């Protein structure tokens, strides 16, 4: 599959791909296969804390799945969306992911259900899964994990019927950039602020999934500014129709900084959710 919920952050030097931020050639590896076991434990069947409280509710609210629909989840991981969508009485769930191990985990949980189809496929490459047969699509917490976002959005568009919709949820590109955004404390104003060290320059940032364990397992976080992301969505054949910014539900324990921390949590979103349509 392509943080939270996907990963903790650890400082390493990132690489700049500003010359071609939207169309980096797709990798030929197997997605998150090297870290599939870790990610499966982190997210599991019902999702991480952030999935359950923010990401999944926003996805279902914006998607508004209808009984009888066919829905594809692109970069589905271990299938965290399967049960919520089946509970909405959709007729067919299709999930694709580049990681054979994550698809195996999804099949172990949901493969016996005749309404569920789970396929190993690279979301950046053409494939029969993108055949224009689906009423809706989702791509949850994966946009920042994919090297070629124009190809990703193009394939999502190809998977949809004309007039169909897609919901994309990912780390907020303005406020959540690994090692480039931080919390700070202004003692004079008694406020917690968000510091941005960089934004406009696209970054390819290696992320260590087990900090301190020296296992060497890494993923890559691809930061792009919002304008690049929106342009790539349009280039891929989708039109954005709605946006929600998702703020942390977590609150610190009572203390001298708690009021400022709570205010900051209400001011700076963690994730962004976009609804897009494939023009008829």
Protein backbone atom coordinates (compact mmCIF):
# COMPACT_ATOMS: atom_id res chain seq x y z
CA UNK A 1 0.00 0.00 0.00
CA UNK A 2 1.26 2.41 -0.35
CA UNK A 3 0.95 7.84 8.77
CA UNK A 4 -0.66 7.69 10.70
CA UNK A 5 -0.91 6.77 10.17
CA UNK A 6 1.47 4.98 8.11
CA UNK A 7 4.68 5.76 9.83
CA UNK A 8 6.77 7.40 12.53
CA UNK A 9 9.28 9.96 11.35
CA UNK A 10 13.05 9.82 11.76
CA UNK A 11 15.53 12.38 10.50
CA UNK A 12 17.37 11.52 7.33
CA UNK A 13 18.36 13.58 4.35
CA UNK A 14 15.64 13.81 1.70
CA UNK A 15 16.15 13.99 -2.05
CA UNK A 16 14.72 16.76 -4.18
CA UNK A 17 12.65 15.83 -7.24
CA UNK A 18 11.43 19.33 -8.02
CA UNK A 19 12.23 19.06 -11.71
CA UNK A 20 9.38 16.59 -12.21
CA UNK A 21 7.36 16.35 -9.01
CA UNK A 22 4.22 14.84 -10.49
CA UNK A 23 5.62 12.34 -12.94
CA UNK A 24 8.42 10.48 -11.26
CA UNK A 25 8.85 7.05 -12.89
CA UNK A 26 7.03 4.38 -10.91
CA UNK A 27 9.20 2.07 -8.87
CA UNK A 28 9.36 -1.63 -9.70
CA UNK A 29 9.42 -2.84 -6.12
CA UNK A 30 6.48 -4.37 -4.30
CA UNK A 31 5.16 -1.34 -2.51
CA UNK A 32 5.13 -1.75 1.24
CA UNK A 33 6.03 -5.46 1.18
CA UNK A 34 9.26 -5.00 3.21
CA UNK A 35 7.30 -3.34 6.04
CA UNK A 36 4.00 -5.18 5.61
CA UNK A 37 4.17 -7.00 8.94
CA UNK A 38 4.81 -3.77 10.85
CA UNK A 39 2.07 -1.92 9.01
CA UNK A 40 -0.43 -4.71 9.47
CA UNK A 41 0.13 -4.61 13.22
CA UNK A 42 -0.15 -0.81 13.24
CA UNK A 43 -3.42 -0.62 11.32
CA UNK A 44 -4.95 -4.08 11.69
CA UNK A 45 -8.50 -4.81 10.66
CA UNK A 46 -10.22 -1.71 12.06
CA UNK A 47 -7.50 0.89 11.56
CA UNK A 48 -5.26 2.93 13.79
CA UNK A 49 -6.63 5.47 16.26
CA UNK A 50 -6.49 8.11 13.54
CA UNK A 51 -8.24 5.84 11.06
CA UNK A 52 -11.10 5.14 13.42
CA UNK A 53 -11.62 8.70 14.63
CA UNK A 54 -10.75 10.82 11.58
CA UNK A 55 -9.86 9.09 8.35
CA UNK A 56 -12.55 6.44 7.99
CA UNK A 57 -15.45 8.66 9.14
CA UNK A 58 -14.40 11.39 6.68
CA UNK A 59 -13.97 8.88 3.87
CA UNK A 60 -17.42 7.37 4.36
CA UNK A 61 -19.05 10.77 4.81
CA UNK A 62 -17.61 12.14 1.58
CA UNK A 63 -17.99 8.92 -0.39
CA UNK A 64 -21.58 8.31 0.74
CA UNK A 65 -21.59 4.71 -0.55
CA UNK A 66 -24.91 3.42 -1.88
CA UNK A 67 -26.38 -0.10 -1.80
CA UNK A 68 -25.54 -2.04 -4.93
CA UNK A 69 -22.51 0.01 -5.93
CA UNK A 70 -19.15 -1.30 -7.08
CA UNK A 71 -16.27 0.45 -5.27
CA UNK A 72 -12.53 0.11 -5.78
CA UNK A 73 -10.00 0.92 -3.05
CA UNK A 74 -6.68 1.83 -4.66
CA UNK A 75 -3.66 1.08 -2.43
CA UNK A 76 -5.99 -0.86 -0.14
CA UNK A 77 -3.31 -2.31 2.15
CA UNK A 78 -4.74 -4.96 4.44
CA UNK A 79 -8.31 -3.93 3.67
CA UNK A 80 -9.25 -1.49 6.41
CA UNK A 81 -12.15 -0.18 4.29
CA UNK A 82 -13.67 -3.55 3.44
CA UNK A 83 -15.99 -3.97 6.42
CA UNK A 84 -17.26 -0.36 6.55
CA UNK A 85 -18.12 -0.45 2.85
CA UNK A 86 -19.76 -3.88 2.99
CA UNK A 87 -21.84 -2.66 5.93
CA UNK A 88 -23.19 0.05 3.65
CA UNK A 89 -24.57 -2.74 1.39
CA UNK A 90 -22.36 -2.15 -1.62
CA UNK A 91 -22.48 -5.00 -4.13
CA UNK A 92 -18.78 -5.27 -4.88
CA UNK A 93 -15.50 -4.28 -3.23
CA UNK A 94 -12.28 -4.41 -5.24
CA UNK A 95 -8.96 -3.67 -3.56
CA UNK A 96 -5.60 -3.35 -5.26
CA UNK A 97 -2.17 -2.94 -3.70
CA UNK A 98 1.41 -3.43 -4.88
CA UNK A 99 2.33 -5.42 -1.76
CA UNK A 100 1.63 -9.17 -2.03
CA UNK A 101 1.99 -9.50 1.73
CA UNK A 102 -0.61 -6.83 2.46
CA UNK A 103 -2.99 -8.35 -0.07
CA UNK A 104 -2.42 -11.72 1.61
CA UNK A 105 -3.39 -10.13 4.94
CA UNK A 106 -6.50 -8.65 3.35
CA UNK A 107 -7.44 -12.01 1.85
CA UNK A 108 -6.96 -13.74 5.21
CA UNK A 109 -9.53 -11.37 6.69
CA UNK A 110 -11.97 -10.89 3.83
CA UNK A 111 -11.12 -13.24 0.98
CA UNK A 112 -13.94 -15.68 1.71
CA UNK A 113 -16.62 -13.05 1.05
CA UNK A 114 -17.86 -13.42 -2.55
CA UNK A 115 -18.40 -9.66 -2.75
CA UNK A 116 -14.67 -8.98 -2.23
CA UNK A 117 -11.93 -9.10 -4.86
CA UNK A 118 -8.32 -8.37 -3.83
CA UNK A 119 -5.56 -8.01 -6.41
CA UNK A 120 -1.80 -7.42 -6.39
CA UNK A 121 -1.29 -4.49 -8.76
CA UNK A 122 0.83 -1.34 -9.01
CA UNK A 123 -1.47 1.69 -8.89
CA UNK A 124 0.96 3.64 -11.08
CA UNK A 125 0.84 1.13 -13.94
CA UNK A 126 -1.99 0.29 -16.35
CA UNK A 127 -3.95 -2.84 -15.60
CA UNK A 128 -7.29 -4.55 -16.16
CA UNK A 129 -8.44 -3.36 -12.74
CA UNK A 130 -8.72 0.14 -14.24
CA UNK A 131 -11.44 -0.81 -16.66
CA UNK A 132 -14.09 1.88 -16.14
CA UNK A 133 -16.55 -0.34 -14.29
CA UNK A 134 -16.71 1.17 -10.80
CA UNK A 135 -19.23 3.60 -9.30
CA UNK A 136 -16.71 5.06 -6.84
CA UNK A 137 -13.08 4.84 -5.76
CA UNK A 138 -11.05 5.51 -2.64
CA UNK A 139 -7.34 6.10 -2.05
CA UNK A 140 -6.64 6.41 1.66
CA UNK A 141 -3.31 7.50 3.16
CA UNK A 142 -1.37 6.56 0.05
CA UNK A 143 -0.98 9.65 -2.16
CA UNK A 144 2.22 10.63 -0.31
CA UNK A 145 3.57 7.09 -0.72
CA UNK A 146 3.27 6.92 -4.51
CA UNK A 147 6.11 8.05 -6.81
CA UNK A 148 3.98 8.99 -9.85
CA UNK A 149 0.83 10.78 -8.81
CA UNK A 150 -0.32 11.66 -12.32
CA UNK A 151 -0.26 7.97 -13.17
CA UNK A 152 -2.08 7.19 -9.91
CA UNK A 153 -4.87 9.69 -10.55
CA UNK A 154 -5.11 8.67 -14.21
CA UNK A 155 -5.60 5.04 -13.25
CA UNK A 156 -8.19 5.94 -10.62
CA UNK A 157 -10.04 7.87 -13.31
CA UNK A 158 -9.78 4.95 -15.73
CA UNK A 159 -11.25 2.63 -13.09
CA UNK A 160 -14.40 4.76 -12.81
CA UNK A 161 -17.53 5.04 -14.87
CA UNK A 162 -18.21 8.51 -16.35
CA UNK A 163 -19.71 10.71 -13.65
CA UNK A 164 -18.39 8.49 -10.86
CA UNK A 165 -16.64 9.85 -7.78
CA UNK A 166 -13.42 9.32 -5.84
CA UNK A 167 -12.32 10.20 -2.30
CA UNK A 168 -8.64 10.82 -1.55
CA UNK A 169 -7.33 11.24 2.01
CA UNK A 170 -3.68 11.94 2.79
CA UNK A 171 -1.31 13.86 5.07
CA UNK A 172 -1.93 17.58 4.83
CA UNK A 173 0.76 18.89 2.44
CA UNK A 174 0.85 22.34 4.06
CA UNK A 175 1.24 21.35 7.70
CA UNK A 176 2.53 17.77 7.88
CA UNK A 177 5.85 17.36 6.12
CA UNK A 178 8.34 14.99 7.75
CA UNK A 179 11.24 16.93 9.28
CA UNK A 180 10.06 20.16 7.65
CA UNK A 181 7.17 21.00 9.99
CA UNK A 182 7.44 21.16 13.78
CA UNK A 183 5.70 22.35 16.91
CA UNK A 184 7.19 25.31 18.75
CA UNK A 185 6.40 27.19 21.95
CA UNK A 186 6.21 31.00 22.25
CA UNK A 187 6.68 31.70 25.97
CA UNK A 188 5.84 35.41 25.64
CA UNK A 189 2.52 34.83 23.84
CA UNK A 190 1.92 31.47 25.57
CA UNK A 191 0.97 29.84 22.29
CA UNK A 192 1.99 26.67 20.58
CA UNK A 193 2.75 27.40 16.95
CA UNK A 194 3.40 25.37 13.82
CA UNK A 195 6.78 26.01 12.22
CA UNK A 196 7.31 25.34 8.52
CA UNK A 197 10.90 25.03 7.37
CA UNK A 198 10.00 24.22 3.76
CA UNK A 199 6.90 23.76 1.64
CA UNK A 200 7.16 24.66 -2.04
CA UNK A 201 10.05 22.33 -2.87
CA UNK A 202 8.93 18.75 -3.54
CA UNK A 203 10.81 16.26 -1.41
CA UNK A 204 11.45 12.53 -1.50
CA UNK A 205 12.04 11.69 2.16
CA UNK A 206 13.19 8.25 3.40
CA UNK A 207 11.35 7.18 6.55
CA UNK A 208 12.65 4.58 8.99
CA UNK A 209 9.73 2.47 10.20
CA UNK A 210 11.43 1.09 13.32
CA UNK A 211 13.49 3.97 14.78
CA UNK A 212 16.08 2.70 17.24
CA UNK A 213 15.89 -0.94 16.17
CA UNK A 214 18.51 -0.70 13.42
CA UNK A 215 16.55 -3.03 11.13
CA UNK A 216 17.10 -0.81 8.11
CA UNK A 217 13.46 -0.96 6.97
CA UNK A 218 12.35 2.20 5.21
CA UNK A 219 9.53 3.68 3.24
CA UNK A 220 9.50 6.93 1.25
CA UNK A 221 7.32 9.98 1.84
CA UNK A 222 6.78 12.09 -1.30
CA UNK A 223 5.96 15.66 -0.39
CA UNK A 224 4.38 17.86 -3.06
CA UNK A 225 2.87 21.32 -2.57
CA UNK A 226 -0.89 21.55 -2.79
CA UNK A 227 -0.87 23.20 -6.22
CA UNK A 228 1.12 20.30 -7.66
CA UNK A 229 -1.31 17.79 -6.17
CA UNK A 230 -4.41 19.58 -7.45
CA UNK A 231 -2.90 19.99 -10.91
CA UNK A 232 -1.99 16.30 -10.98
CA UNK A 233 -5.56 15.34 -10.07
CA UNK A 234 -6.81 17.40 -13.00
CA UNK A 235 -4.17 16.00 -15.33
CA UNK A 236 -5.30 12.54 -14.32
CA UNK A 237 -8.83 13.22 -15.47
CA UNK A 238 -10.58 14.05 -12.21
CA UNK A 239 -12.22 17.27 -11.00
CA UNK A 240 -12.18 18.18 -7.30
CA UNK A 241 -15.64 19.07 -5.99
CA UNK A 242 -15.20 19.10 -2.20
CA UNK A 243 -12.51 19.35 0.46
CA UNK A 244 -12.34 18.70 4.20
CA UNK A 245 -9.38 19.36 6.47
CA UNK A 246 -9.16 16.88 9.33
CA UNK A 247 -7.96 18.01 12.75
CA UNK A 248 -6.58 15.81 15.49
CA UNK A 249 -9.10 14.47 17.97
CA UNK A 250 -6.39 13.90 20.57
CA UNK A 251 -6.05 16.18 23.58
CA UNK A 252 -3.21 16.37 26.08
CA UNK A 253 -3.59 15.87 29.80
CA UNK A 254 -4.31 18.89 31.95
CA UNK A 255 -1.23 20.99 32.54
CA UNK A 256 0.39 24.40 31.96
CA UNK A 257 0.51 23.94 28.18
CA UNK A 258 -2.73 22.04 27.62
CA UNK A 259 -4.87 25.05 26.68
CA UNK A 260 -2.40 26.17 24.03
CA UNK A 261 -1.93 22.61 22.78
CA UNK A 262 -5.68 22.14 22.41
CA UNK A 263 -5.97 25.41 20.52
CA UNK A 264 -3.15 24.41 18.19
CA UNK A 265 -4.81 21.04 17.53
CA UNK A 266 -7.94 22.91 16.46
CA UNK A 267 -6.04 25.28 14.17
CA UNK A 268 -3.65 23.06 12.23
CA UNK A 269 -5.11 20.10 10.33
CA UNK A 270 -3.34 16.74 10.12
CA UNK A 271 -5.00 15.35 7.00
CA UNK A 272 -6.82 16.58 3.94
CA UNK A 273 -9.75 14.80 2.27
CA UNK A 274 -10.74 15.56 -1.31
CA UNK A 275 -13.75 14.42 -3.25
CA UNK A 276 -13.36 14.35 -7.03
CA UNK A 277 -15.50 13.24 -9.95
CA UNK A 278 -14.76 11.82 -13.35
CA UNK A 279 -16.52 14.13 -15.80
CA UNK A 280 -19.32 12.45 -17.69
